Protein backbone atom coordinates (compact mmCIF):
# COMPACT_ATOMS: atom_id res chain seq x y z
CA MET A 1 0.00 0.00 0.00
CA ARG A 2 1.33 3.41 -0.98
CA SER A 3 1.61 6.18 1.56
CA THR A 4 0.22 9.66 1.13
CA ARG A 5 3.78 10.96 0.96
CA ASP A 6 4.53 8.57 -1.92
CA ALA A 7 1.47 9.81 -3.80
CA GLU A 8 2.43 13.44 -3.17
CA TYR A 9 5.98 12.73 -4.34
CA ASP A 10 4.67 11.14 -7.55
CA VAL A 11 2.50 14.16 -8.35
CA PHE A 12 5.40 16.56 -7.77
CA ALA A 13 7.66 14.33 -9.89
CA ARG A 14 5.19 14.30 -12.82
CA VAL A 15 4.67 18.06 -12.76
CA THR A 16 8.39 18.74 -12.39
CA ARG A 17 9.15 16.43 -15.31
CA MET A 18 6.60 18.36 -17.40
CA LEU A 19 8.31 21.64 -16.48
CA ARG A 20 11.76 20.29 -17.34
CA GLN A 21 10.74 18.76 -20.65
CA ALA A 22 8.83 21.83 -21.78
CA SER A 23 11.72 24.08 -20.80
CA ASP A 24 14.24 21.87 -22.60
CA ARG A 25 12.14 21.92 -25.79
CA LYS A 26 11.51 25.67 -25.42
CA ASP A 27 7.95 25.13 -26.63
CA ARG A 28 5.78 28.01 -25.33
CA ARG A 29 2.57 25.98 -25.42
CA ASP A 30 4.14 23.14 -23.45
CA ILE A 31 5.70 25.59 -21.01
CA ILE A 32 2.36 27.29 -20.41
CA ALA A 33 0.61 23.92 -19.95
CA ALA A 34 3.30 22.72 -17.52
CA VAL A 35 3.22 25.96 -15.53
CA ALA A 36 -0.57 25.80 -15.39
CA LYS A 37 -0.34 22.24 -14.01
CA ASN A 38 2.26 23.40 -11.47
CA THR A 39 -0.02 26.27 -10.43
CA GLU A 40 -2.90 23.83 -10.02
CA LEU A 41 -0.74 21.58 -7.83
CA TRP A 42 0.40 24.42 -5.59
CA THR A 43 -3.11 25.89 -5.35
CA LEU A 44 -4.47 22.53 -4.19
CA LEU A 45 -1.59 22.19 -1.74
CA ALA A 46 -2.27 25.66 -0.29
CA PHE A 47 -5.96 24.83 0.17
CA ASP A 48 -5.04 21.58 1.92
CA LEU A 49 -2.56 23.36 4.17
CA ALA A 50 -5.22 25.89 5.18
CA GLU A 51 -7.66 23.17 6.29
CA PRO A 52 -8.15 23.07 10.07
CA GLY A 53 -7.44 19.32 10.16
CA ASN A 54 -4.04 19.61 8.49
CA GLY A 55 -1.58 18.04 10.92
CA LEU A 56 1.61 19.81 9.85
CA PRO A 57 3.21 22.18 12.36
CA ASP A 58 2.14 25.80 11.89
CA ASP A 59 5.61 26.96 10.84
CA ALA A 60 5.82 24.27 8.14
CA LYS A 61 2.35 25.18 6.88
CA ALA A 62 3.24 28.87 6.78
CA GLY A 63 6.44 28.18 4.87
CA LEU A 64 4.70 25.98 2.30
CA ILE A 65 1.87 28.48 1.85
CA SER A 66 4.48 31.18 1.23
CA LEU A 67 6.15 28.93 -1.36
CA ALA A 68 2.77 28.35 -2.99
CA GLY A 69 2.33 32.10 -3.37
CA PHE A 70 5.76 32.41 -4.95
CA GLN A 71 5.14 29.46 -7.28
CA ILE A 72 1.87 30.98 -8.49
CA ARG A 73 3.29 34.50 -8.96
CA HIS A 74 6.46 33.29 -10.64
CA GLY A 75 4.43 30.95 -12.83
CA GLN A 76 2.43 33.92 -14.07
CA SER A 77 5.69 35.66 -14.99
CA VAL A 78 6.85 32.55 -16.86
CA MET A 79 3.60 32.39 -18.80
CA ALA A 80 3.99 36.06 -19.69
CA GLY A 81 7.46 35.33 -21.06
CA GLU A 82 9.15 37.42 -18.35
CA ALA A 83 10.81 34.61 -16.34
CA VAL A 84 12.21 31.09 -16.61
CA THR A 85 10.94 27.83 -15.15
CA GLN A 86 14.09 26.89 -13.21
CA PRO A 87 13.01 28.41 -9.85
CA LEU A 88 9.74 26.46 -10.08
CA ILE A 89 11.66 23.27 -10.77
CA ASP A 90 14.15 23.94 -7.96
CA ILE A 91 11.42 24.46 -5.37
CA ASN A 92 9.56 21.35 -6.49
CA MET A 93 12.78 19.33 -6.21
CA THR A 94 13.34 20.63 -2.68
CA VAL A 95 9.80 19.60 -1.70
CA MET A 96 10.37 16.18 -3.27
CA ARG A 97 13.55 15.72 -1.22
CA GLY A 98 11.57 16.65 1.89
CA LEU A 99 8.87 14.13 1.04
CA ARG A 100 11.60 11.48 0.74
CA GLY A 101 13.01 12.53 4.12
CA GLU A 102 16.39 13.43 2.66
CA VAL A 103 18.66 15.39 4.99
CA GLY A 104 18.99 19.11 4.24
CA ALA A 105 15.69 19.23 2.32
C-alpha cells in the first residue's frame, strides 16, 4: 500500500518532469501547460494546508503556503514570457527531497 507521501511525491515528480521537458524543448505551449499544471498543484496544496485538520506544524504550513504564493506568482511571470521555469523546478525538487526525508531538504 502506498503512503500519502509517496502519492504526493509522484504528483510533484510528474509536474516537475513536465516543467523540465517543456523548458528543454523551449515550446511556449508546453511551457504554459506545464506551468498551469504546477499552479494547479500548488493551489491545491495551499488549500489543503489551510484546512483546520491539516496536521503539519504551523511553521511548516506557513512556509509551504508562502512557497505556494511564490510558485503561483512566478508561474504567471513565466507564462507572460518574463521569467524562466528553473526556480519552479528547484522548489519542487526541494519539496520532493523533503517528502523522501532526505537530509537538508
